[in-house]
Amino acid sequence: MPVARVYTKSQWEAFARALDALPEKPDAERGVTVRDAMKDMRARVRAAQAKGYTLEQIAEQAKSLGIDITAGTIRYGLRPAGKGGGANGTRAASGGRAAAQPGPLATRVPDSSPRQKEVRKDRGKSATGQPMPVQGTLGFAIRPDTDDL
């Protein structure tokens, strides 16, 4: 097990003073993530697409300037900046996954098995005192090897 590292209060105070003393870095030297850059670049990428350029060609232009991104990265960056990034900017109500496409498979049947555990006074044992079998994922009962687990 790893041991937590401990440093003196004076070391932390010296570190804090060193951080406070750092000069402001010029904007030209600051790193910008692809996600942040794409917020500003969306309109320009769309304009280049309107001129007839593909995302692959736009990615090649970026690579020629030292920005190593792919067409897929640009496509991802062009998505709306909503919470989920979906077509309407929100996640689907299906627990964070994208909504199903219309069609015969889009209808979900609710799960009939209860999701909450029932709190029993007899601690999971049946009225006969034997442990209740647990249903396995393959459909067979899983029973403990001993009565007192």
N, C-alpha and C. Protein backbone atom coordinates (compact mmCIF):
# COMPACT_ATOMS: atom_id res chain seq x y z
N MET A 1 0.84 -1.17 0.00
CA MET A 1 0.00 0.00 0.00
C MET A 1 0.89 1.24 0.00
N PRO A 2 0.60 2.20 -0.89
CA PRO A 2 1.45 3.38 -0.94
C PRO A 2 1.32 4.23 0.33
N VAL A 3 2.41 4.84 0.69
CA VAL A 3 2.45 5.68 1.88
C VAL A 3 2.19 7.12 1.46
N ALA A 4 1.33 7.80 2.20
CA ALA A 4 1.03 9.20 1.90
C ALA A 4 2.26 10.05 2.19
N ARG A 5 2.61 10.91 1.27
CA ARG A 5 3.77 11.77 1.47
C ARG A 5 3.39 12.97 2.33
N VAL A 6 4.28 13.34 3.21
CA VAL A 6 4.05 14.45 4.12
C VAL A 6 5.18 15.47 3.92
N TYR A 7 4.79 16.73 3.81
CA TYR A 7 5.76 17.81 3.65
C TYR A 7 5.51 18.83 4.75
N THR A 8 6.52 19.59 5.05
CA THR A 8 6.38 20.57 6.13
C THR A 8 5.54 21.76 5.66
N LYS A 9 4.98 22.43 6.63
CA LYS A 9 4.16 23.61 6.33
C LYS A 9 5.01 24.67 5.65
N SER A 10 6.29 24.80 6.05
CA SER A 10 7.16 25.80 5.44
C SER A 10 7.42 25.48 3.96
N GLN A 11 7.48 24.19 3.61
CA GLN A 11 7.65 23.82 2.20
C GLN A 11 6.43 24.25 1.39
N TRP A 12 5.23 24.02 1.93
CA TRP A 12 4.01 24.41 1.22
C TRP A 12 3.92 25.93 1.10
N GLU A 13 4.32 26.65 2.14
CA GLU A 13 4.28 28.11 2.09
C GLU A 13 5.27 28.64 1.06
N ALA A 14 6.47 28.03 0.98
CA ALA A 14 7.45 28.43 -0.02
C ALA A 14 6.92 28.17 -1.43
N PHE A 15 6.24 27.05 -1.61
CA PHE A 15 5.64 26.71 -2.90
C PHE A 15 4.56 27.75 -3.25
N ALA A 16 3.73 28.11 -2.28
CA ALA A 16 2.68 29.10 -2.52
C ALA A 16 3.29 30.45 -2.92
N ARG A 17 4.36 30.87 -2.25
CA ARG A 17 5.02 32.13 -2.59
C ARG A 17 5.60 32.07 -4.00
N ALA A 18 6.18 30.92 -4.36
CA ALA A 18 6.75 30.76 -5.70
C ALA A 18 5.66 30.86 -6.77
N LEU A 19 4.48 30.27 -6.50
CA LEU A 19 3.38 30.37 -7.45
C LEU A 19 2.86 31.80 -7.57
N ASP A 20 2.79 32.49 -6.43
CA ASP A 20 2.33 33.88 -6.45
C ASP A 20 3.30 34.78 -7.21
N ALA A 21 4.58 34.43 -7.20
CA ALA A 21 5.61 35.26 -7.84
C ALA A 21 5.74 35.00 -9.34
N LEU A 22 5.07 33.98 -9.86
CA LEU A 22 5.18 33.69 -11.29
C LEU A 22 4.62 34.84 -12.11
N PRO A 23 5.35 35.25 -13.18
CA PRO A 23 4.83 36.33 -14.03
C PRO A 23 3.70 35.80 -14.93
N GLU A 24 2.88 36.71 -15.42
CA GLU A 24 1.79 36.37 -16.33
C GLU A 24 2.38 35.86 -17.65
N LYS A 25 1.88 34.75 -18.13
CA LYS A 25 2.38 34.19 -19.38
C LYS A 25 1.64 34.87 -20.55
N PRO A 26 2.35 35.25 -21.61
CA PRO A 26 1.69 35.89 -22.76
C PRO A 26 0.70 34.93 -23.41
N ASP A 27 -0.38 35.49 -23.97
CA ASP A 27 -1.41 34.66 -24.61
C ASP A 27 -0.83 33.79 -25.72
N ALA A 28 0.16 34.31 -26.43
CA ALA A 28 0.74 33.56 -27.54
C ALA A 28 1.46 32.30 -27.07
N GLU A 29 1.89 32.25 -25.80
CA GLU A 29 2.61 31.10 -25.28
C GLU A 29 1.72 30.13 -24.51
N ARG A 30 0.48 30.48 -24.29
CA ARG A 30 -0.42 29.62 -23.53
C ARG A 30 -0.92 28.48 -24.41
N GLY A 31 -0.99 27.31 -23.83
CA GLY A 31 -1.53 26.16 -24.54
C GLY A 31 -3.05 26.24 -24.60
N VAL A 32 -3.61 25.82 -25.71
CA VAL A 32 -5.05 25.83 -25.90
C VAL A 32 -5.47 24.42 -26.33
N THR A 33 -6.42 23.85 -25.62
CA THR A 33 -6.89 22.52 -25.99
C THR A 33 -7.68 22.58 -27.29
N VAL A 34 -7.80 21.44 -27.94
CA VAL A 34 -8.57 21.37 -29.18
C VAL A 34 -10.01 21.78 -28.91
N ARG A 35 -10.56 21.32 -27.80
CA ARG A 35 -11.95 21.66 -27.46
C ARG A 35 -12.13 23.18 -27.35
N ASP A 36 -11.21 23.84 -26.64
CA ASP A 36 -11.32 25.28 -26.48
C ASP A 36 -11.09 26.00 -27.81
N ALA A 37 -10.14 25.53 -28.60
CA ALA A 37 -9.85 26.17 -29.88
C ALA A 37 -11.03 26.02 -30.84
N MET A 38 -11.69 24.88 -30.81
CA MET A 38 -12.79 24.64 -31.74
C MET A 38 -13.97 25.56 -31.47
N LYS A 39 -14.09 26.06 -30.25
CA LYS A 39 -15.17 27.03 -29.97
C LYS A 39 -15.00 28.26 -30.86
N ASP A 40 -13.75 28.69 -31.03
CA ASP A 40 -13.47 29.86 -31.87
C ASP A 40 -13.37 29.50 -33.35
N MET A 41 -13.03 28.26 -33.64
CA MET A 41 -12.77 27.86 -35.02
C MET A 41 -14.01 27.33 -35.76
N ARG A 42 -15.09 27.06 -35.05
CA ARG A 42 -16.28 26.48 -35.69
C ARG A 42 -16.73 27.28 -36.91
N ALA A 43 -16.88 28.58 -36.75
CA ALA A 43 -17.37 29.41 -37.85
C ALA A 43 -16.40 29.37 -39.03
N ARG A 44 -15.11 29.36 -38.74
CA ARG A 44 -14.12 29.34 -39.82
C ARG A 44 -14.10 28.00 -40.54
N VAL A 45 -14.25 26.91 -39.78
CA VAL A 45 -14.30 25.59 -40.41
C VAL A 45 -15.55 25.48 -41.27
N ARG A 46 -16.69 25.96 -40.76
CA ARG A 46 -17.93 25.94 -41.54
C ARG A 46 -17.78 26.78 -42.81
N ALA A 47 -17.09 27.92 -42.70
CA ALA A 47 -16.86 28.76 -43.87
C ALA A 47 -15.99 28.04 -44.89
N ALA A 48 -14.98 27.32 -44.44
CA ALA A 48 -14.12 26.56 -45.35
C ALA A 48 -14.93 25.44 -46.01
N GLN A 49 -15.82 24.82 -45.26
CA GLN A 49 -16.69 23.79 -45.85
C GLN A 49 -17.61 24.40 -46.90
N ALA A 50 -18.10 25.61 -46.64
CA ALA A 50 -18.97 26.28 -47.60
C ALA A 50 -18.22 26.61 -48.88
N LYS A 51 -16.89 26.77 -48.79
CA LYS A 51 -16.06 27.02 -49.97
C LYS A 51 -15.77 25.73 -50.73
N GLY A 52 -16.21 24.58 -50.18
CA GLY A 52 -16.04 23.32 -50.89
C GLY A 52 -14.97 22.40 -50.33
N TYR A 53 -14.36 22.75 -49.21
CA TYR A 53 -13.31 21.92 -48.63
C TYR A 53 -13.92 20.86 -47.72
N THR A 54 -13.33 19.68 -47.72
CA THR A 54 -13.77 18.60 -46.84
C THR A 54 -13.05 18.71 -45.50
N LEU A 55 -13.57 18.00 -44.51
CA LEU A 55 -12.92 18.00 -43.20
C LEU A 55 -11.52 17.40 -43.28
N GLU A 56 -11.33 16.43 -44.17
CA GLU A 56 -10.01 15.83 -44.35
C GLU A 56 -9.02 16.87 -44.88
N GLN A 57 -9.47 17.69 -45.83
CA GLN A 57 -8.60 18.73 -46.38
C GLN A 57 -8.32 19.82 -45.33
N ILE A 58 -9.31 20.12 -44.52
CA ILE A 58 -9.12 21.11 -43.46
C ILE A 58 -8.13 20.58 -42.42
N ALA A 59 -8.23 19.27 -42.11
CA ALA A 59 -7.29 18.66 -41.17
C ALA A 59 -5.88 18.67 -41.74
N GLU A 60 -5.73 18.44 -43.04
CA GLU A 60 -4.41 18.50 -43.67
C GLU A 60 -3.83 19.91 -43.58
N GLN A 61 -4.68 20.92 -43.74
CA GLN A 61 -4.23 22.31 -43.61
C GLN A 61 -3.71 22.56 -42.20
N ALA A 62 -4.43 22.04 -41.19
CA ALA A 62 -3.99 22.19 -39.80
C ALA A 62 -2.66 21.49 -39.58
N LYS A 63 -2.52 20.28 -40.14
CA LYS A 63 -1.27 19.53 -39.98
C LYS A 63 -0.09 20.26 -40.61
N SER A 64 -0.33 20.94 -41.71
CA SER A 64 0.77 21.68 -42.37
C SER A 64 1.25 22.84 -41.50
N LEU A 65 0.41 23.25 -40.54
CA LEU A 65 0.79 24.34 -39.63
C LEU A 65 1.21 23.83 -38.26
N GLY A 66 1.38 22.49 -38.15
CA GLY A 66 1.87 21.91 -36.90
C GLY A 66 0.79 21.51 -35.91
N ILE A 67 -0.47 21.58 -36.31
CA ILE A 67 -1.58 21.17 -35.44
C ILE A 67 -2.01 19.79 -35.90
N ASP A 68 -1.65 18.78 -35.11
CA ASP A 68 -1.88 17.39 -35.51
C ASP A 68 -3.27 16.93 -35.07
N ILE A 69 -4.28 17.23 -35.88
CA ILE A 69 -5.64 16.79 -35.60
C ILE A 69 -6.18 16.07 -36.82
N THR A 70 -7.20 15.27 -36.59
CA THR A 70 -7.82 14.50 -37.67
C THR A 70 -9.16 15.12 -38.05
N ALA A 71 -9.72 14.63 -39.15
CA ALA A 71 -11.04 15.09 -39.57
C ALA A 71 -12.08 14.72 -38.51
N GLY A 72 -11.91 13.56 -37.87
CA GLY A 72 -12.84 13.15 -36.81
C GLY A 72 -12.80 14.09 -35.62
N THR A 73 -11.61 14.57 -35.30
CA THR A 73 -11.47 15.52 -34.20
C THR A 73 -12.19 16.82 -34.54
N ILE A 74 -12.04 17.27 -35.77
CA ILE A 74 -12.73 18.49 -36.19
C ILE A 74 -14.23 18.28 -36.18
N ARG A 75 -14.67 17.13 -36.68
CA ARG A 75 -16.09 16.81 -36.69
C ARG A 75 -16.65 16.82 -35.26
N TYR A 76 -15.90 16.25 -34.33
CA TYR A 76 -16.30 16.25 -32.92
C TYR A 76 -16.37 17.67 -32.38
N GLY A 77 -15.41 18.49 -32.76
CA GLY A 77 -15.38 19.87 -32.30
C GLY A 77 -16.49 20.73 -32.88
N LEU A 78 -17.06 20.32 -34.00
CA LEU A 78 -18.13 21.08 -34.62
C LEU A 78 -19.49 20.81 -33.98
N ARG A 79 -19.55 19.78 -33.17
CA ARG A 79 -20.83 19.48 -32.52
C ARG A 79 -21.23 20.61 -31.60
N PRO A 80 -22.53 20.78 -31.38
CA PRO A 80 -22.98 21.84 -30.47
C PRO A 80 -22.36 21.66 -29.09
N ALA A 81 -22.12 22.75 -28.41
CA ALA A 81 -21.43 22.73 -27.12
C ALA A 81 -22.40 22.55 -25.96
N GLY A 82 -23.40 21.71 -26.10
CA GLY A 82 -24.35 21.47 -25.02
C GLY A 82 -23.79 20.49 -24.03
N LYS A 83 -24.61 20.14 -23.05
CA LYS A 83 -24.19 19.24 -21.98
C LYS A 83 -23.78 17.88 -22.54
N GLY A 84 -24.57 17.33 -23.44
CA GLY A 84 -24.28 16.01 -23.98
C GLY A 84 -23.65 16.06 -25.35
N GLY A 85 -23.73 17.20 -26.01
CA GLY A 85 -23.14 17.32 -27.33
C GLY A 85 -23.97 16.66 -28.40
N GLY A 86 -25.21 16.28 -28.10
CA GLY A 86 -26.06 15.65 -29.10
C GLY A 86 -26.62 16.68 -30.05
N ALA A 87 -27.56 16.26 -30.90
CA ALA A 87 -28.13 17.14 -31.90
C ALA A 87 -28.81 18.35 -31.28
N ASN A 88 -29.44 18.16 -30.13
CA ASN A 88 -30.09 19.29 -29.48
C ASN A 88 -29.29 19.80 -28.28
N GLY A 89 -28.09 19.27 -28.07
CA GLY A 89 -27.23 19.76 -27.01
C GLY A 89 -27.50 19.16 -25.65
N THR A 90 -28.36 18.16 -25.58
CA THR A 90 -28.64 17.52 -24.30
C THR A 90 -28.49 16.03 -24.44
N ARG A 91 -28.28 15.37 -23.32
CA ARG A 91 -28.20 13.92 -23.33
C ARG A 91 -29.59 13.34 -23.36
N ALA A 92 -29.68 12.15 -23.89
CA ALA A 92 -30.95 11.46 -23.92
C ALA A 92 -31.35 11.05 -22.51
N ALA A 93 -32.61 10.80 -22.32
CA ALA A 93 -33.11 10.42 -21.00
C ALA A 93 -32.81 8.98 -20.68
N SER A 94 -32.07 8.28 -21.51
CA SER A 94 -31.80 6.86 -21.28
C SER A 94 -30.53 6.64 -20.49
N GLY A 95 -30.27 7.47 -19.50
CA GLY A 95 -29.14 7.25 -18.63
C GLY A 95 -27.83 7.72 -19.21
N GLY A 96 -27.84 8.73 -20.09
CA GLY A 96 -26.60 9.27 -20.60
C GLY A 96 -26.21 8.74 -21.96
N ARG A 97 -26.91 7.74 -22.47
CA ARG A 97 -26.59 7.23 -23.79
C ARG A 97 -27.39 7.98 -24.82
N ALA A 98 -26.92 7.96 -26.06
CA ALA A 98 -27.63 8.64 -27.13
C ALA A 98 -28.98 7.98 -27.34
N ALA A 99 -29.94 8.75 -27.79
CA ALA A 99 -31.28 8.23 -28.02
C ALA A 99 -31.26 7.25 -29.18
N ALA A 100 -32.11 6.26 -29.12
CA ALA A 100 -32.18 5.25 -30.17
C ALA A 100 -32.77 5.86 -31.43
N GLN A 101 -32.34 5.36 -32.58
CA GLN A 101 -32.88 5.81 -33.84
C GLN A 101 -34.28 5.26 -34.00
N PRO A 102 -35.17 6.00 -34.71
CA PRO A 102 -36.52 5.50 -34.90
C PRO A 102 -36.49 4.17 -35.64
N GLY A 103 -37.38 3.30 -35.27
CA GLY A 103 -37.44 2.00 -35.92
C GLY A 103 -37.95 0.97 -34.94
N PRO A 104 -37.97 -0.29 -35.36
CA PRO A 104 -38.54 -1.32 -34.51
C PRO A 104 -37.74 -1.58 -33.25
N LEU A 105 -36.43 -1.27 -33.24
CA LEU A 105 -35.62 -1.55 -32.06
C LEU A 105 -35.62 -0.38 -31.08
N ALA A 106 -36.27 0.74 -31.45
CA ALA A 106 -36.24 1.91 -30.60
C ALA A 106 -37.11 1.75 -29.35
N THR A 107 -38.09 0.86 -29.39
CA THR A 107 -38.97 0.68 -28.25
C THR A 107 -38.28 -0.18 -27.22
N ARG A 108 -38.19 0.34 -26.01
CA ARG A 108 -37.55 -0.41 -24.93
C ARG A 108 -38.64 -0.99 -24.05
N VAL A 109 -38.47 -2.23 -23.69
CA VAL A 109 -39.39 -2.88 -22.77
C VAL A 109 -38.84 -2.67 -21.37
N PRO A 110 -39.66 -2.15 -20.46
CA PRO A 110 -39.14 -1.93 -19.11
C PRO A 110 -38.74 -3.25 -18.46
N ASP A 111 -37.69 -3.18 -17.68
CA ASP A 111 -37.18 -4.36 -16.99
C ASP A 111 -38.16 -4.75 -15.89
N SER A 112 -38.62 -5.99 -15.92
CA SER A 112 -39.61 -6.41 -14.94
C SER A 112 -38.99 -6.78 -13.60
N SER A 113 -37.67 -7.00 -13.57
CA SER A 113 -37.04 -7.36 -12.31
C SER A 113 -36.86 -6.12 -11.45
N PRO A 114 -37.16 -6.20 -10.16
CA PRO A 114 -37.01 -5.03 -9.31
C PRO A 114 -35.55 -4.67 -9.14
N ARG A 115 -35.24 -3.39 -9.17
CA ARG A 115 -33.86 -2.92 -9.06
C ARG A 115 -33.45 -2.67 -7.62
N GLN A 116 -34.41 -2.48 -6.74
CA GLN A 116 -34.07 -2.19 -5.36
C GLN A 116 -34.11 -3.47 -4.55
N LYS A 117 -33.19 -3.58 -3.61
CA LYS A 117 -33.18 -4.75 -2.74
C LYS A 117 -34.24 -4.60 -1.68
N GLU A 118 -34.90 -5.67 -1.42
CA GLU A 118 -35.93 -5.67 -0.40
C GLU A 118 -35.26 -5.90 0.96
N VAL A 119 -35.57 -5.07 1.92
CA VAL A 119 -35.00 -5.23 3.26
C VAL A 119 -35.90 -6.20 4.01
N ARG A 120 -35.31 -7.30 4.41
CA ARG A 120 -36.08 -8.33 5.11
C ARG A 120 -35.61 -8.43 6.54
N LYS A 121 -36.56 -8.70 7.41
CA LYS A 121 -36.22 -8.82 8.82
C LYS A 121 -35.48 -10.11 9.12
N ASP A 122 -35.67 -11.14 8.28
CA ASP A 122 -35.02 -12.42 8.55
C ASP A 122 -33.66 -12.53 7.86
N ARG A 123 -33.11 -11.39 7.40
CA ARG A 123 -31.77 -11.32 6.79
C ARG A 123 -31.60 -12.24 5.59
N GLY A 124 -32.60 -12.32 4.75
CA GLY A 124 -32.47 -13.08 3.52
C GLY A 124 -32.74 -14.56 3.65
N LYS A 125 -33.09 -15.04 4.82
CA LYS A 125 -33.36 -16.46 4.98
C LYS A 125 -34.85 -16.70 4.88
N SER A 126 -35.21 -17.81 4.33
CA SER A 126 -36.62 -18.13 4.20
C SER A 126 -37.18 -18.54 5.56
N ALA A 127 -38.46 -18.79 5.59
CA ALA A 127 -39.12 -19.12 6.85
C ALA A 127 -38.60 -20.43 7.42
N THR A 128 -38.01 -21.29 6.60
CA THR A 128 -37.49 -22.57 7.09
C THR A 128 -36.10 -22.43 7.67
N GLY A 129 -35.49 -21.26 7.58
CA GLY A 129 -34.16 -21.07 8.13
C GLY A 129 -33.06 -21.34 7.11
N GLN A 130 -33.40 -21.77 5.92
CA GLN A 130 -32.42 -22.02 4.87
C GLN A 130 -32.16 -20.72 4.10
N PRO A 131 -30.93 -20.51 3.64
CA PRO A 131 -30.65 -19.31 2.87
C PRO A 131 -31.42 -19.32 1.55
N MET A 132 -31.83 -18.15 1.13
CA MET A 132 -32.56 -18.02 -0.13
C MET A 132 -31.56 -18.15 -1.27
N PRO A 133 -31.86 -18.90 -2.30
CA PRO A 133 -30.94 -18.99 -3.45
C PRO A 133 -30.91 -17.66 -4.21
N VAL A 134 -29.76 -17.35 -4.75
CA VAL A 134 -29.58 -16.13 -5.53
C VAL A 134 -29.62 -16.53 -6.99
N GLN A 135 -30.36 -15.79 -7.79
CA GLN A 135 -30.47 -16.10 -9.22
C GLN A 135 -29.22 -15.62 -9.93
N GLY A 136 -28.53 -16.51 -10.62
CA GLY A 136 -27.34 -16.17 -11.38
C GLY A 136 -27.70 -15.55 -12.71
N THR A 137 -26.73 -14.98 -13.40
CA THR A 137 -26.99 -14.34 -14.68
C THR A 137 -27.32 -15.34 -15.77
N LEU A 138 -26.94 -16.59 -15.60
CA LEU A 138 -27.24 -17.61 -16.60
C LEU A 138 -28.56 -18.32 -16.31
N GLY A 139 -29.26 -17.91 -15.27
CA GLY A 139 -30.58 -18.43 -15.01
C GLY A 139 -30.63 -19.54 -13.98
N PHE A 140 -29.52 -19.93 -13.40
CA PHE A 140 -29.56 -20.98 -12.40
C PHE A 140 -29.34 -20.38 -11.02
N ALA A 141 -29.78 -21.11 -10.03
CA ALA A 141 -29.68 -20.62 -8.65
C ALA A 141 -28.27 -20.79 -8.13
N ILE A 142 -27.79 -19.79 -7.41
CA ILE A 142 -26.49 -19.86 -6.76
C ILE A 142 -26.75 -19.96 -5.27
N ARG A 143 -26.28 -21.05 -4.69
CA ARG A 143 -26.50 -21.27 -3.26
C ARG A 143 -25.16 -21.25 -2.53
N PRO A 144 -25.10 -20.69 -1.32
CA PRO A 144 -23.84 -20.68 -0.57
C PRO A 144 -23.51 -22.10 -0.09
N ASP A 145 -22.22 -22.41 0.10
CA ASP A 145 -21.82 -23.75 0.54
C ASP A 145 -22.11 -23.96 2.02
N THR A 146 -22.27 -22.88 2.77
CA THR A 146 -22.57 -23.03 4.19
C THR A 146 -23.84 -22.25 4.52
N ASP A 147 -24.44 -22.59 5.63
CA ASP A 147 -25.65 -21.91 6.02
C ASP A 147 -25.37 -20.56 6.65
N ASP A 148 -24.21 -20.43 7.28
CA ASP A 148 -23.92 -19.20 8.01
C ASP A 148 -22.78 -18.45 7.32
N LEU A 149 -23.14 -17.57 6.43
CA LEU A 149 -22.12 -16.77 5.74
C LEU A 149 -22.05 -15.46 6.38
